[in-house]
Amino acid sequence: MSEVLENKTVTKGETTDFFSGLGIETTTESRVRKTKSLKERILNSIDTEIEIIEGRENLTLLKLNKTVNGKIYEVNENRFWKPSNSMENKLLVNIKLKGKIFGCGKKVDRYNPNYMVVENSKKKLIGLLNKAKDSLESIDENNENFWLI
């Protein structure tokens, strides 16, 4: 025969009493996961981008399919660089973390961001990113006015 059980909320004290009644030790210790600072994440993002650039033949952005409202559109991939529309043979460069532009201490207008400009060459782009990374490494990670996304 089956028995109908009441819905009952068990409080923390009752749970502890239940386990201690069984002779089981309990604790409320929580697991703390060390997260990387924003500075560390941005520097890692730059390293990852440099690895991607080094593994490519050229700096042509790949075309990706994106679905919006059920329709498939072809869009450029989201990288640190894009070709300039107004300056021939130049790249517009930003440092990004998870697709968001890092403004190096300035608030970023996502519709009108400031870009670094460099020649359209893998070597020049990698050089610019390494120079930016070296400079960022020297800035105190506790400077909350600088490390903003």
N, C-alpha and C. Protein backbone atom coordinates (compact mmCIF):
# COMPACT_ATOMS: atom_id res chain seq x y z
N MET A 1 0.83 -1.16 0.00
CA MET A 1 0.00 0.00 0.00
C MET A 1 0.89 1.24 0.00
N SER A 2 0.41 2.24 -0.69
CA SER A 2 1.18 3.48 -0.71
C SER A 2 0.62 4.47 0.29
N GLU A 3 1.50 5.29 0.78
CA GLU A 3 1.14 6.25 1.80
C GLU A 3 1.25 7.65 1.20
N VAL A 4 0.32 8.54 1.46
CA VAL A 4 0.39 9.91 0.97
C VAL A 4 1.19 10.72 1.97
N LEU A 5 2.26 11.39 1.46
CA LEU A 5 3.11 12.20 2.32
C LEU A 5 2.75 13.67 2.18
N GLU A 6 2.84 14.38 3.29
CA GLU A 6 2.56 15.81 3.28
C GLU A 6 3.73 16.56 2.67
N ASN A 7 3.44 17.65 1.93
CA ASN A 7 4.49 18.55 1.48
C ASN A 7 4.91 19.36 2.69
N LYS A 8 6.17 19.29 3.04
CA LYS A 8 6.64 19.98 4.22
C LYS A 8 8.00 20.59 3.91
N THR A 9 8.18 21.86 4.26
CA THR A 9 9.47 22.52 4.09
C THR A 9 10.35 22.14 5.26
N VAL A 10 11.53 21.67 4.91
CA VAL A 10 12.47 21.25 5.95
C VAL A 10 13.44 22.41 6.17
N THR A 11 13.54 22.86 7.40
CA THR A 11 14.46 23.96 7.72
C THR A 11 15.86 23.42 7.92
N LYS A 12 16.82 24.35 7.93
CA LYS A 12 18.22 23.98 8.09
C LYS A 12 18.44 23.23 9.41
N GLY A 13 17.80 23.71 10.47
CA GLY A 13 17.94 23.06 11.78
C GLY A 13 17.41 21.64 11.76
N GLU A 14 16.28 21.44 11.09
CA GLU A 14 15.71 20.09 11.02
C GLU A 14 16.60 19.16 10.21
N THR A 15 17.22 19.71 9.14
CA THR A 15 18.13 18.90 8.33
C THR A 15 19.33 18.47 9.16
N THR A 16 19.90 19.43 9.90
CA THR A 16 21.05 19.14 10.77
C THR A 16 20.66 18.10 11.81
N ASP A 17 19.49 18.27 12.42
CA ASP A 17 19.02 17.31 13.42
C ASP A 17 18.85 15.93 12.79
N PHE A 18 18.34 15.90 11.57
CA PHE A 18 18.12 14.63 10.87
C PHE A 18 19.44 13.89 10.70
N PHE A 19 20.47 14.61 10.16
CA PHE A 19 21.76 13.97 9.93
C PHE A 19 22.46 13.61 11.24
N SER A 20 22.39 14.50 12.24
CA SER A 20 23.06 14.18 13.50
C SER A 20 22.37 13.00 14.18
N GLY A 21 21.05 12.86 13.97
CA GLY A 21 20.33 11.70 14.49
C GLY A 21 20.82 10.40 13.87
N LEU A 22 21.37 10.51 12.65
CA LEU A 22 21.93 9.34 11.98
C LEU A 22 23.42 9.16 12.29
N GLY A 23 23.97 10.12 13.06
CA GLY A 23 25.39 10.03 13.40
C GLY A 23 26.29 10.54 12.29
N ILE A 24 25.74 11.43 11.44
CA ILE A 24 26.52 11.97 10.32
C ILE A 24 26.92 13.40 10.64
N GLU A 25 28.19 13.69 10.48
CA GLU A 25 28.69 15.04 10.72
C GLU A 25 28.30 15.94 9.55
N THR A 26 27.93 17.19 9.84
CA THR A 26 27.57 18.15 8.78
C THR A 26 28.41 19.42 8.92
N THR A 27 28.46 20.18 7.84
CA THR A 27 29.17 21.46 7.84
C THR A 27 28.49 22.41 6.87
N THR A 28 28.74 23.70 7.03
CA THR A 28 28.20 24.71 6.11
C THR A 28 29.31 25.33 5.27
N GLU A 29 30.47 24.71 5.27
CA GLU A 29 31.61 25.24 4.52
C GLU A 29 31.25 25.32 3.04
N SER A 30 31.51 26.48 2.45
CA SER A 30 31.22 26.61 1.03
C SER A 30 32.52 26.59 0.25
N ARG A 31 32.41 26.19 -0.97
CA ARG A 31 33.57 26.11 -1.85
C ARG A 31 33.77 27.47 -2.51
N VAL A 32 34.96 28.04 -2.37
CA VAL A 32 35.26 29.33 -2.97
C VAL A 32 36.19 29.08 -4.15
N ARG A 33 35.79 29.60 -5.29
CA ARG A 33 36.58 29.45 -6.50
C ARG A 33 37.34 30.74 -6.75
N LYS A 34 38.65 30.65 -6.93
CA LYS A 34 39.42 31.86 -7.20
C LYS A 34 39.20 32.24 -8.65
N THR A 35 38.73 33.45 -8.84
CA THR A 35 38.54 33.94 -10.20
C THR A 35 39.71 34.84 -10.56
N LYS A 36 39.97 34.93 -11.84
CA LYS A 36 41.04 35.79 -12.31
C LYS A 36 40.57 37.23 -12.30
N SER A 37 41.49 38.13 -12.08
CA SER A 37 41.17 39.56 -12.10
C SER A 37 40.86 39.98 -13.54
N LEU A 38 40.23 41.13 -13.67
CA LEU A 38 39.94 41.66 -15.00
C LEU A 38 41.23 41.85 -15.78
N LYS A 39 42.27 42.31 -15.11
CA LYS A 39 43.56 42.49 -15.77
C LYS A 39 44.06 41.17 -16.35
N GLU A 40 44.04 40.12 -15.54
CA GLU A 40 44.51 38.80 -16.00
C GLU A 40 43.67 38.30 -17.18
N ARG A 41 42.36 38.50 -17.11
CA ARG A 41 41.48 38.04 -18.20
C ARG A 41 41.75 38.81 -19.49
N ILE A 42 41.99 40.13 -19.39
CA ILE A 42 42.27 40.92 -20.59
C ILE A 42 43.62 40.52 -21.18
N LEU A 43 44.64 40.34 -20.34
CA LEU A 43 45.95 39.92 -20.85
C LEU A 43 45.86 38.55 -21.51
N ASN A 44 45.09 37.64 -20.93
CA ASN A 44 44.89 36.31 -21.55
C ASN A 44 44.14 36.44 -22.88
N SER A 45 43.19 37.37 -22.94
CA SER A 45 42.44 37.59 -24.17
C SER A 45 43.37 38.07 -25.28
N ILE A 46 44.30 38.95 -24.94
CA ILE A 46 45.27 39.45 -25.93
C ILE A 46 46.17 38.30 -26.39
N ASP A 47 46.63 37.47 -25.46
CA ASP A 47 47.47 36.31 -25.83
C ASP A 47 46.72 35.38 -26.77
N THR A 48 45.46 35.12 -26.47
CA THR A 48 44.65 34.23 -27.32
C THR A 48 44.49 34.82 -28.72
N GLU A 49 44.26 36.12 -28.79
CA GLU A 49 44.09 36.78 -30.10
C GLU A 49 45.38 36.70 -30.90
N ILE A 50 46.52 36.89 -30.25
CA ILE A 50 47.81 36.80 -30.94
C ILE A 50 48.01 35.38 -31.49
N GLU A 51 47.65 34.37 -30.71
CA GLU A 51 47.76 32.97 -31.18
C GLU A 51 46.88 32.74 -32.40
N ILE A 52 45.68 33.29 -32.39
CA ILE A 52 44.77 33.14 -33.53
C ILE A 52 45.36 33.79 -34.77
N ILE A 53 45.89 35.00 -34.62
CA ILE A 53 46.49 35.73 -35.75
C ILE A 53 47.67 34.95 -36.31
N GLU A 54 48.53 34.44 -35.42
CA GLU A 54 49.71 33.69 -35.87
C GLU A 54 49.31 32.44 -36.65
N GLY A 55 48.17 31.85 -36.32
CA GLY A 55 47.74 30.63 -36.98
C GLY A 55 47.02 30.86 -38.31
N ARG A 56 46.86 32.11 -38.69
CA ARG A 56 46.15 32.43 -39.93
C ARG A 56 47.12 32.77 -41.06
N GLU A 57 46.62 32.54 -42.27
CA GLU A 57 47.39 32.93 -43.45
C GLU A 57 47.38 34.43 -43.64
N ASN A 58 46.20 35.03 -43.43
CA ASN A 58 46.06 36.48 -43.60
C ASN A 58 45.03 37.00 -42.59
N LEU A 59 44.72 38.27 -42.68
CA LEU A 59 43.82 38.89 -41.70
C LEU A 59 42.39 39.06 -42.20
N THR A 60 42.04 38.32 -43.24
CA THR A 60 40.67 38.37 -43.74
C THR A 60 39.74 37.75 -42.70
N LEU A 61 38.69 38.52 -42.35
CA LEU A 61 37.74 38.01 -41.35
C LEU A 61 36.91 36.89 -41.95
N LEU A 62 36.65 35.87 -41.17
CA LEU A 62 35.84 34.74 -41.62
C LEU A 62 34.38 35.14 -41.61
N LYS A 63 33.60 34.56 -42.49
CA LYS A 63 32.16 34.80 -42.53
C LYS A 63 31.47 33.70 -41.73
N LEU A 64 30.58 34.12 -40.85
CA LEU A 64 29.83 33.18 -40.01
C LEU A 64 28.35 33.35 -40.26
N ASN A 65 27.61 32.27 -40.12
CA ASN A 65 26.16 32.35 -40.23
C ASN A 65 25.56 32.67 -38.87
N LYS A 66 24.67 33.66 -38.86
CA LYS A 66 24.00 34.07 -37.63
C LYS A 66 22.50 34.07 -37.89
N THR A 67 21.73 33.46 -36.99
CA THR A 67 20.29 33.41 -37.14
C THR A 67 19.65 34.51 -36.31
N VAL A 68 18.87 35.36 -36.98
CA VAL A 68 18.14 36.44 -36.31
C VAL A 68 16.68 36.33 -36.73
N ASN A 69 15.80 36.15 -35.76
CA ASN A 69 14.36 36.00 -36.01
C ASN A 69 14.07 34.93 -37.07
N GLY A 70 14.79 33.83 -37.00
CA GLY A 70 14.55 32.72 -37.89
C GLY A 70 15.22 32.84 -39.25
N LYS A 71 15.82 33.98 -39.57
CA LYS A 71 16.51 34.16 -40.85
C LYS A 71 18.01 34.06 -40.63
N ILE A 72 18.70 33.45 -41.58
CA ILE A 72 20.14 33.27 -41.49
C ILE A 72 20.83 34.40 -42.24
N TYR A 73 21.76 35.07 -41.54
CA TYR A 73 22.55 36.15 -42.12
C TYR A 73 24.02 35.76 -42.05
N GLU A 74 24.78 36.24 -43.03
CA GLU A 74 26.22 36.02 -43.01
C GLU A 74 26.87 37.27 -42.43
N VAL A 75 27.65 37.09 -41.36
CA VAL A 75 28.30 38.22 -40.69
C VAL A 75 29.79 37.93 -40.53
N ASN A 76 30.57 39.00 -40.35
CA ASN A 76 31.99 38.83 -40.07
C ASN A 76 32.18 38.34 -38.65
N GLU A 77 33.22 37.55 -38.43
CA GLU A 77 33.53 37.11 -37.07
C GLU A 77 33.93 38.30 -36.22
N ASN A 78 33.81 38.17 -34.91
CA ASN A 78 34.12 39.24 -33.97
C ASN A 78 35.56 39.07 -33.48
N ARG A 79 36.48 39.84 -34.03
CA ARG A 79 37.89 39.78 -33.66
C ARG A 79 38.31 41.14 -33.11
N PHE A 80 39.57 41.26 -32.72
CA PHE A 80 40.10 42.53 -32.21
C PHE A 80 40.24 43.55 -33.35
N TRP A 81 40.30 43.09 -34.59
CA TRP A 81 40.59 43.97 -35.72
C TRP A 81 39.49 43.88 -36.77
N LYS A 82 39.43 44.93 -37.58
CA LYS A 82 38.59 44.92 -38.78
C LYS A 82 39.22 45.88 -39.77
N PRO A 83 39.00 45.66 -41.06
CA PRO A 83 39.59 46.57 -42.05
C PRO A 83 38.89 47.93 -41.99
N SER A 84 39.66 48.98 -42.21
CA SER A 84 39.08 50.33 -42.22
C SER A 84 38.33 50.55 -43.52
N ASN A 85 37.20 51.23 -43.43
CA ASN A 85 36.44 51.57 -44.64
C ASN A 85 36.98 52.84 -45.29
N SER A 86 37.60 53.71 -44.51
CA SER A 86 38.03 55.00 -45.04
C SER A 86 39.53 55.09 -45.31
N MET A 87 40.32 54.23 -44.67
CA MET A 87 41.78 54.29 -44.85
C MET A 87 42.25 53.00 -45.53
N GLU A 88 42.83 53.17 -46.69
CA GLU A 88 43.27 52.02 -47.46
C GLU A 88 44.43 51.31 -46.77
N ASN A 89 44.38 50.00 -46.74
CA ASN A 89 45.43 49.14 -46.18
C ASN A 89 45.68 49.38 -44.69
N LYS A 90 44.63 49.75 -43.95
CA LYS A 90 44.73 49.96 -42.50
C LYS A 90 43.72 49.08 -41.78
N LEU A 91 44.08 48.72 -40.55
CA LEU A 91 43.17 47.96 -39.69
C LEU A 91 42.76 48.84 -38.52
N LEU A 92 41.52 48.69 -38.08
CA LEU A 92 41.03 49.33 -36.87
C LEU A 92 41.07 48.27 -35.78
N VAL A 93 41.69 48.59 -34.64
CA VAL A 93 41.95 47.58 -33.62
C VAL A 93 41.40 48.03 -32.26
N ASN A 94 40.78 47.10 -31.56
CA ASN A 94 40.34 47.28 -30.18
C ASN A 94 40.75 46.06 -29.39
N ILE A 95 40.88 46.23 -28.09
CA ILE A 95 41.10 45.09 -27.21
C ILE A 95 39.74 44.69 -26.68
N LYS A 96 39.43 43.40 -26.75
CA LYS A 96 38.10 42.93 -26.36
C LYS A 96 38.19 41.79 -25.35
N LEU A 97 37.14 41.71 -24.56
CA LEU A 97 36.97 40.59 -23.64
C LEU A 97 35.54 40.11 -23.79
N LYS A 98 35.39 38.88 -24.24
CA LYS A 98 34.08 38.29 -24.50
C LYS A 98 33.22 39.20 -25.37
N GLY A 99 33.84 39.76 -26.41
CA GLY A 99 33.12 40.58 -27.38
C GLY A 99 32.90 42.02 -26.96
N LYS A 100 33.24 42.36 -25.72
CA LYS A 100 33.08 43.75 -25.26
C LYS A 100 34.41 44.47 -25.37
N ILE A 101 34.35 45.72 -25.81
CA ILE A 101 35.56 46.51 -25.99
C ILE A 101 36.07 47.03 -24.65
N PHE A 102 37.37 46.87 -24.43
CA PHE A 102 38.02 47.39 -23.24
C PHE A 102 38.54 48.77 -23.58
N GLY A 103 38.11 49.79 -22.84
CA GLY A 103 38.42 51.18 -23.16
C GLY A 103 39.68 51.73 -22.55
N CYS A 104 40.46 50.92 -21.85
CA CYS A 104 41.71 51.38 -21.22
C CYS A 104 41.47 52.61 -20.35
N GLY A 105 40.52 52.52 -19.46
CA GLY A 105 40.24 53.60 -18.52
C GLY A 105 39.18 54.58 -18.98
N LYS A 106 38.70 54.44 -20.20
CA LYS A 106 37.66 55.33 -20.72
C LYS A 106 36.38 54.54 -20.98
N LYS A 107 35.26 55.20 -20.78
CA LYS A 107 33.98 54.58 -21.10
C LYS A 107 33.88 54.43 -22.61
N VAL A 108 33.39 53.29 -23.06
CA VAL A 108 33.34 53.00 -24.49
C VAL A 108 31.92 53.20 -25.00
N ASP A 109 31.80 54.01 -26.04
CA ASP A 109 30.54 54.15 -26.77
C ASP A 109 30.55 53.04 -27.81
N ARG A 110 29.76 52.02 -27.60
CA ARG A 110 29.86 50.85 -28.49
C ARG A 110 29.47 51.15 -29.92
N TYR A 111 28.75 52.26 -30.16
CA TYR A 111 28.37 52.62 -31.52
C TYR A 111 29.38 53.55 -32.18
N ASN A 112 30.30 54.09 -31.39
CA ASN A 112 31.31 54.99 -31.92
C ASN A 112 32.60 54.86 -31.10
N PRO A 113 33.21 53.66 -31.09
CA PRO A 113 34.40 53.46 -30.25
C PRO A 113 35.65 54.09 -30.86
N ASN A 114 36.64 54.34 -30.00
CA ASN A 114 37.96 54.77 -30.47
C ASN A 114 38.75 53.53 -30.86
N TYR A 115 39.44 53.61 -31.99
CA TYR A 115 40.24 52.50 -32.48
C TYR A 115 41.72 52.85 -32.50
N MET A 116 42.55 51.85 -32.34
CA MET A 116 43.96 51.98 -32.65
C MET A 116 44.06 51.68 -34.14
N VAL A 117 44.96 52.35 -34.85
CA VAL A 117 45.09 52.15 -36.30
C VAL A 117 46.47 51.57 -36.57
N VAL A 118 46.51 50.54 -37.42
CA VAL A 118 47.77 49.89 -37.77
C VAL A 118 47.69 49.41 -39.22
N GLU A 119 48.86 49.24 -39.85
CA GLU A 119 48.89 48.71 -41.21
C GLU A 119 48.28 47.31 -41.26
N ASN A 120 47.71 46.97 -42.41
CA ASN A 120 47.07 45.68 -42.58
C ASN A 120 48.14 44.61 -42.82
N SER A 121 48.79 44.21 -41.73
CA SER A 121 49.81 43.16 -41.80
C SER A 121 49.80 42.40 -40.48
N LYS A 122 49.97 41.09 -40.57
CA LYS A 122 49.99 40.26 -39.36
C LYS A 122 51.09 40.72 -38.41
N LYS A 123 52.26 40.97 -38.96
CA LYS A 123 53.41 41.36 -38.14
C LYS A 123 53.12 42.67 -37.39
N LYS A 124 52.57 43.66 -38.07
CA LYS A 124 52.27 44.96 -37.44
C LYS A 124 51.17 44.82 -36.40
N LEU A 125 50.15 44.02 -36.68
CA LEU A 125 49.06 43.83 -35.74
C LEU A 125 49.55 43.12 -34.48
N ILE A 126 50.33 42.07 -34.65
CA ILE A 126 50.89 41.35 -33.50
C ILE A 126 51.80 42.28 -32.70
N GLY A 127 52.59 43.09 -33.38
CA GLY A 127 53.46 44.05 -32.70
C GLY A 127 52.65 45.05 -31.87
N LEU A 128 51.56 45.55 -32.42
CA LEU A 128 50.70 46.49 -31.70
C LEU A 128 50.08 45.83 -30.46
N LEU A 129 49.60 44.61 -30.61
CA LEU A 129 48.98 43.91 -29.48
C LEU A 129 50.00 43.59 -28.39
N ASN A 130 51.22 43.20 -28.79
CA ASN A 130 52.27 42.95 -27.79
C ASN A 130 52.66 44.22 -27.06
N LYS A 131 52.73 45.34 -27.78
CA LYS A 131 53.07 46.62 -27.17
C LYS A 131 51.97 47.02 -26.17
N ALA A 132 50.70 46.85 -26.56
CA ALA A 132 49.58 47.17 -25.67
C ALA A 132 49.62 46.27 -24.44
N LYS A 133 49.89 44.98 -24.65
CA LYS A 133 49.95 44.03 -23.53
C LYS A 133 51.07 44.39 -22.56
N ASP A 134 52.23 44.71 -23.08
CA ASP A 134 53.35 45.10 -22.22
C ASP A 134 53.00 46.32 -21.37
N SER A 135 52.34 47.29 -21.98
CA SER A 135 51.94 48.50 -21.24
C SER A 135 50.89 48.19 -20.20
N LEU A 136 49.92 47.34 -20.55
CA LEU A 136 48.84 46.98 -19.62
C LEU A 136 49.38 46.21 -18.42
N GLU A 137 50.42 45.40 -18.63
CA GLU A 137 51.00 44.62 -17.53
C GLU A 137 51.55 45.51 -16.43
N SER A 138 51.96 46.71 -16.77
CA SER A 138 52.56 47.60 -15.78
C SER A 138 51.53 48.41 -14.98
N ILE A 139 50.26 48.33 -15.36
CA ILE A 139 49.23 49.11 -14.66
C ILE A 139 48.66 48.30 -13.51
N ASP A 140 48.55 48.93 -12.36
CA ASP A 140 48.05 48.29 -11.14
C ASP A 140 46.64 47.75 -11.35
N GLU A 141 46.46 46.46 -11.07
CA GLU A 141 45.14 45.86 -11.27
C GLU A 141 44.10 46.35 -10.27
N ASN A 142 44.52 47.04 -9.22
CA ASN A 142 43.58 47.59 -8.25
C ASN A 142 43.08 48.98 -8.63
N ASN A 143 43.54 49.50 -9.76
CA ASN A 143 43.08 50.79 -10.25
C ASN A 143 41.70 50.61 -10.89
N GLU A 144 40.66 50.82 -10.08
CA GLU A 144 39.28 50.56 -10.53
C GLU A 144 38.82 51.53 -11.61
N ASN A 145 39.47 52.69 -11.72
CA ASN A 145 39.09 53.65 -12.76
C ASN A 145 39.64 53.26 -14.12
N PHE A 146 40.65 52.40 -14.13
CA PHE A 146 41.24 51.97 -15.40
C PHE A 146 40.66 50.65 -15.89
N TRP A 147 40.54 49.70 -14.98
CA TRP A 147 40.12 48.35 -15.37
C TRP A 147 38.59 48.26 -15.38
N LEU A 148 37.99 48.78 -16.43
CA LEU A 148 36.53 48.77 -16.61
C LEU A 148 36.18 48.10 -17.93
N ILE A 149 35.09 47.38 -17.92
CA ILE A 149 34.55 46.83 -19.18
C ILE A 149 33.15 47.38 -19.32
